Amino acid sequence: MTITVVPANEASWEDLQAIFGARGEAARCQCQWFKGPVTEFRATPVDERAFRFRQQTDCGNPGAPATSGLVAYLDGQPVGWVAVEPRTEYPKLTTMRLPWTGRSEDPADPSVWAVTCFVVRAGHRRQGIAGALAAAAVEHARNRGARAVEAYAMQAEPGTEVTWGELYVGPRSVFAAAGFREVTHPTKRRYVMRIDFDE
């Protein structure tokens, strides 16, 4: 089975929505959680979130200068999504304690990109989709001039489990396999992971 990953603007909107589905957290969120304040997110209807998401991805426009993520295909079938773009495109990150605990970095540095969300289509999990997306996100950011790319991963404590819904940020193991190193460990289950391209 072959996994291929393309920028979302090279995929169709129908393929992306097949990944997100019609029910569940991904369908409700439409990858808008980090795009603004919680109050705004909660006040925005799902159809408006989807409209914004479609604009951000620019699906179906291969010549677009930018897009907000990547789409994975397994033997030609759409199966996965990862959000990756300049960190400044995620205003909510600047107001969260998690990414900045123990760090003095400027949150407004546009040369640092962020991986914020994975969605793997039901029935296709544990098939290497997230790993392929993480590796592709690194190259996508590097090829578009990023100085660094970081992620805000989760890892369960020994003896505990993490539900798939909690893992939308990506598991620590996936980022480690893609070459990310741990920057901070601000909570028991959360890790800031990063690759600096100039090192």
Protein backbone atom coordinates (compact mmCIF):
# COMPACT_ATOMS: atom_id res chain seq x y z
CA MET A 1 0.00 0.00 0.00
CA THR A 2 1.36 3.40 -1.00
CA ILE A 3 0.96 6.63 0.99
CA THR A 4 1.31 9.89 -0.91
CA VAL A 5 1.04 13.36 0.60
CA VAL A 6 0.19 16.58 -1.25
CA PRO A 7 -0.40 20.19 -0.23
CA ALA A 8 -4.09 20.67 0.47
CA ASN A 9 -4.51 23.12 -2.41
CA GLU A 10 -3.64 20.24 -4.74
CA ALA A 11 -6.41 18.09 -3.24
CA SER A 12 -10.14 18.50 -3.76
CA TRP A 13 -12.45 19.87 -1.10
CA GLU A 14 -14.49 16.67 -1.41
CA ASP A 15 -11.43 14.57 -0.57
CA LEU A 16 -10.66 16.70 2.46
CA GLN A 17 -14.21 16.50 3.74
CA ALA A 18 -14.20 12.73 3.24
CA ILE A 19 -11.31 12.65 5.74
CA PHE A 20 -13.08 14.90 8.23
CA GLY A 21 -16.39 13.06 7.90
CA ALA A 22 -19.87 14.24 8.78
CA ARG A 23 -19.78 13.50 12.54
CA GLY A 24 -17.34 13.75 15.40
CA GLU A 25 -14.88 16.37 16.61
CA ALA A 26 -13.02 16.82 13.33
CA ALA A 27 -16.24 17.50 11.44
CA ARG A 28 -17.35 20.02 14.07
CA CYS A 29 -13.98 21.75 14.38
CA GLN A 30 -12.99 22.05 10.71
CA CYS A 31 -9.45 22.76 11.96
CA GLN A 32 -10.42 26.13 13.45
CA TRP A 33 -9.57 25.55 17.13
CA PHE A 34 -6.22 27.35 17.02
CA LYS A 35 -7.38 30.07 14.63
CA GLY A 36 -8.76 32.43 17.28
CA PRO A 37 -10.15 32.85 20.79
CA VAL A 38 -12.29 30.12 22.34
CA THR A 39 -15.25 32.50 22.55
CA GLU A 40 -15.09 33.14 18.81
CA PHE A 41 -14.75 29.43 18.04
CA ARG A 42 -17.80 28.56 20.12
CA ALA A 43 -19.85 31.35 18.56
CA THR A 44 -19.04 30.29 14.99
CA PRO A 45 -21.45 27.81 13.35
CA VAL A 46 -19.97 24.69 11.80
CA ASP A 47 -20.85 25.76 8.26
CA GLU A 48 -18.93 29.01 8.77
CA ARG A 49 -15.97 27.08 10.18
CA ALA A 50 -16.03 24.89 7.06
CA PHE A 51 -16.18 27.98 4.84
CA ARG A 52 -13.11 29.44 6.55
CA PHE A 53 -11.30 26.11 6.35
CA ARG A 54 -11.97 25.89 2.61
CA GLN A 55 -10.54 29.38 2.12
CA GLN A 56 -7.47 28.56 4.24
CA THR A 57 -6.67 25.35 2.34
CA ASP A 58 -7.55 26.74 -1.11
CA CYS A 59 -8.42 23.19 -2.16
CA GLY A 60 -8.58 22.61 -5.88
CA ASN A 61 -6.20 25.47 -6.70
CA PRO A 62 -2.77 23.91 -7.42
CA GLY A 63 -1.30 27.32 -8.24
CA ALA A 64 -2.16 28.84 -4.86
CA PRO A 65 0.81 30.52 -3.16
CA ALA A 66 -0.11 29.09 0.26
CA THR A 67 -2.25 26.49 1.96
CA SER A 68 -2.88 25.53 5.58
CA GLY A 69 -1.93 21.86 5.50
CA LEU A 70 -1.35 18.57 3.72
CA VAL A 71 -3.57 15.71 2.60
CA ALA A 72 -2.53 12.04 2.62
CA TYR A 73 -3.75 9.39 0.20
CA LEU A 74 -3.50 5.64 0.65
CA ASP A 75 -3.58 3.90 -2.71
CA GLY A 76 -5.38 6.93 -4.12
CA GLN A 77 -7.98 7.20 -1.34
CA PRO A 78 -8.00 10.33 0.88
CA VAL A 79 -7.12 9.20 4.42
CA GLY A 80 -5.35 11.93 6.40
CA TRP A 81 -4.79 15.61 7.11
CA VAL A 82 -2.16 17.61 8.95
CA ALA A 83 -2.28 21.34 9.65
CA VAL A 84 1.09 23.03 9.13
CA GLU A 85 1.77 26.68 8.42
CA PRO A 86 3.51 29.67 10.01
CA ARG A 87 2.91 29.74 13.75
CA THR A 88 1.53 33.27 13.42
CA GLU A 89 -1.48 31.81 11.59
CA TYR A 90 -2.62 30.31 14.91
CA PRO A 91 -3.48 33.28 17.16
CA LYS A 92 -4.70 31.03 19.95
CA LEU A 93 -1.19 29.65 20.42
CA THR A 94 0.06 33.06 21.53
CA THR A 95 -2.43 33.14 24.42
CA MET A 96 -1.89 29.59 25.67
CA ARG A 97 0.47 28.87 28.54
CA LEU A 98 1.51 25.47 27.19
CA PRO A 99 3.78 26.46 24.28
CA TRP A 100 5.68 29.12 26.21
CA THR A 101 6.29 27.59 29.63
CA GLY A 102 10.03 27.79 30.25
CA ARG A 103 10.69 29.54 26.93
CA SER A 104 11.52 33.11 25.97
CA GLU A 105 10.84 32.77 22.24
CA ASP A 106 8.92 35.47 20.38
CA PRO A 107 5.48 33.99 19.55
CA ALA A 108 5.17 36.42 16.64
CA ASP A 109 8.21 35.08 14.76
CA PRO A 110 6.78 34.21 11.30
CA SER A 111 9.77 32.05 10.40
CA VAL A 112 8.69 29.38 12.88
CA TRP A 113 6.01 27.04 11.58
CA ALA A 114 3.69 24.88 13.67
CA VAL A 115 2.01 21.50 13.28
CA THR A 116 -1.25 21.75 15.21
CA CYS A 117 -3.66 19.05 14.09
CA PHE A 118 -3.91 15.58 12.58
CA VAL A 119 -7.02 13.86 11.30
CA VAL A 120 -6.84 10.25 10.12
CA ARG A 121 -9.94 8.86 8.52
CA ALA A 122 -11.81 6.21 10.46
CA GLY A 123 -10.75 2.74 9.39
CA HIS A 124 -7.23 3.85 8.45
CA ARG A 125 -5.58 4.45 11.82
CA ARG A 126 -2.38 2.63 12.83
CA GLN A 127 -1.33 2.34 9.20
CA GLY A 128 1.49 4.90 9.24
CA ILE A 129 -0.63 7.79 7.99
CA ALA A 130 0.27 10.20 10.82
CA GLY A 131 3.96 9.37 10.50
CA ALA A 132 3.92 10.07 6.76
CA LEU A 133 2.10 13.35 7.37
CA ALA A 134 4.56 14.46 10.07
CA ALA A 135 7.55 13.77 7.84
CA ALA A 136 5.89 15.57 4.93
CA ALA A 137 5.05 18.54 7.16
CA VAL A 138 8.74 18.97 7.97
CA GLU A 139 9.68 19.09 4.30
CA HIS A 140 6.72 21.31 3.44
CA ALA A 141 7.80 23.87 6.04
CA ARG A 142 11.48 23.65 5.07
CA ASN A 143 10.74 24.08 1.35
CA ARG A 144 8.67 27.18 2.04
CA GLY A 145 11.39 28.97 3.95
CA ALA A 146 10.66 28.08 7.56
CA ARG A 147 13.55 28.52 10.00
CA ALA A 148 12.03 25.93 12.32
CA VAL A 149 8.89 23.85 12.76
CA GLU A 150 7.41 22.81 16.08
CA ALA A 151 4.56 20.77 17.47
CA TYR A 152 2.69 20.39 20.76
CA ALA A 153 2.54 16.64 21.18
CA MET A 154 0.84 14.37 23.67
CA GLN A 155 2.05 11.21 25.35
CA ALA A 156 0.11 9.16 27.85
CA GLU A 157 1.61 8.48 31.24
CA PRO A 158 2.55 4.84 31.87
CA GLY A 159 -0.52 2.80 32.64
CA THR A 160 -2.95 5.33 31.19
CA GLU A 161 -4.57 5.58 27.78
CA VAL A 162 -5.15 8.50 25.45
CA THR A 163 -8.29 8.58 23.35
CA TRP A 164 -7.96 9.26 19.64
CA GLY A 165 -9.82 12.56 20.10
CA GLU A 166 -7.12 13.80 22.47
CA LEU A 167 -4.39 12.92 20.00
CA TYR A 168 -5.42 15.44 17.38
CA VAL A 169 -2.17 17.31 18.20
CA GLY A 170 -0.18 14.19 17.40
CA PRO A 171 1.59 11.65 19.62
CA ARG A 172 5.13 12.35 20.78
CA SER A 173 6.41 9.17 19.12
CA VAL A 174 5.31 10.32 15.65
CA PHE A 175 7.23 13.58 15.96
CA ALA A 176 10.31 11.88 17.41
CA ALA A 177 10.35 9.50 14.44
CA ALA A 178 10.17 12.50 12.08
CA GLY A 179 13.26 14.07 13.68
CA PHE A 180 11.70 16.48 16.17
CA ARG A 181 13.49 16.92 19.48
CA GLU A 182 11.92 17.74 22.83
CA VAL A 183 12.16 21.43 23.75
CA THR A 184 10.03 21.47 26.89
CA HIS A 185 7.76 19.14 28.81
CA PRO A 186 5.29 21.62 30.34
CA THR A 187 2.77 19.09 31.68
CA LYS A 188 2.78 15.37 32.40
CA ARG A 189 1.29 14.56 29.01
CA ARG A 190 2.34 17.49 26.80
CA TYR A 191 5.61 18.06 24.99
CA VAL A 192 6.84 20.88 22.80
CA MET A 193 8.78 19.24 19.95
CA ARG A 194 10.85 21.08 17.36
CA ILE A 195 13.21 20.94 14.40
CA ASP A 196 15.52 23.90 13.71
CA PHE A 197 16.63 23.89 10.10
CA ASP A 198 19.60 26.18 10.67
CA GLU A 199 21.33 23.85 13.14
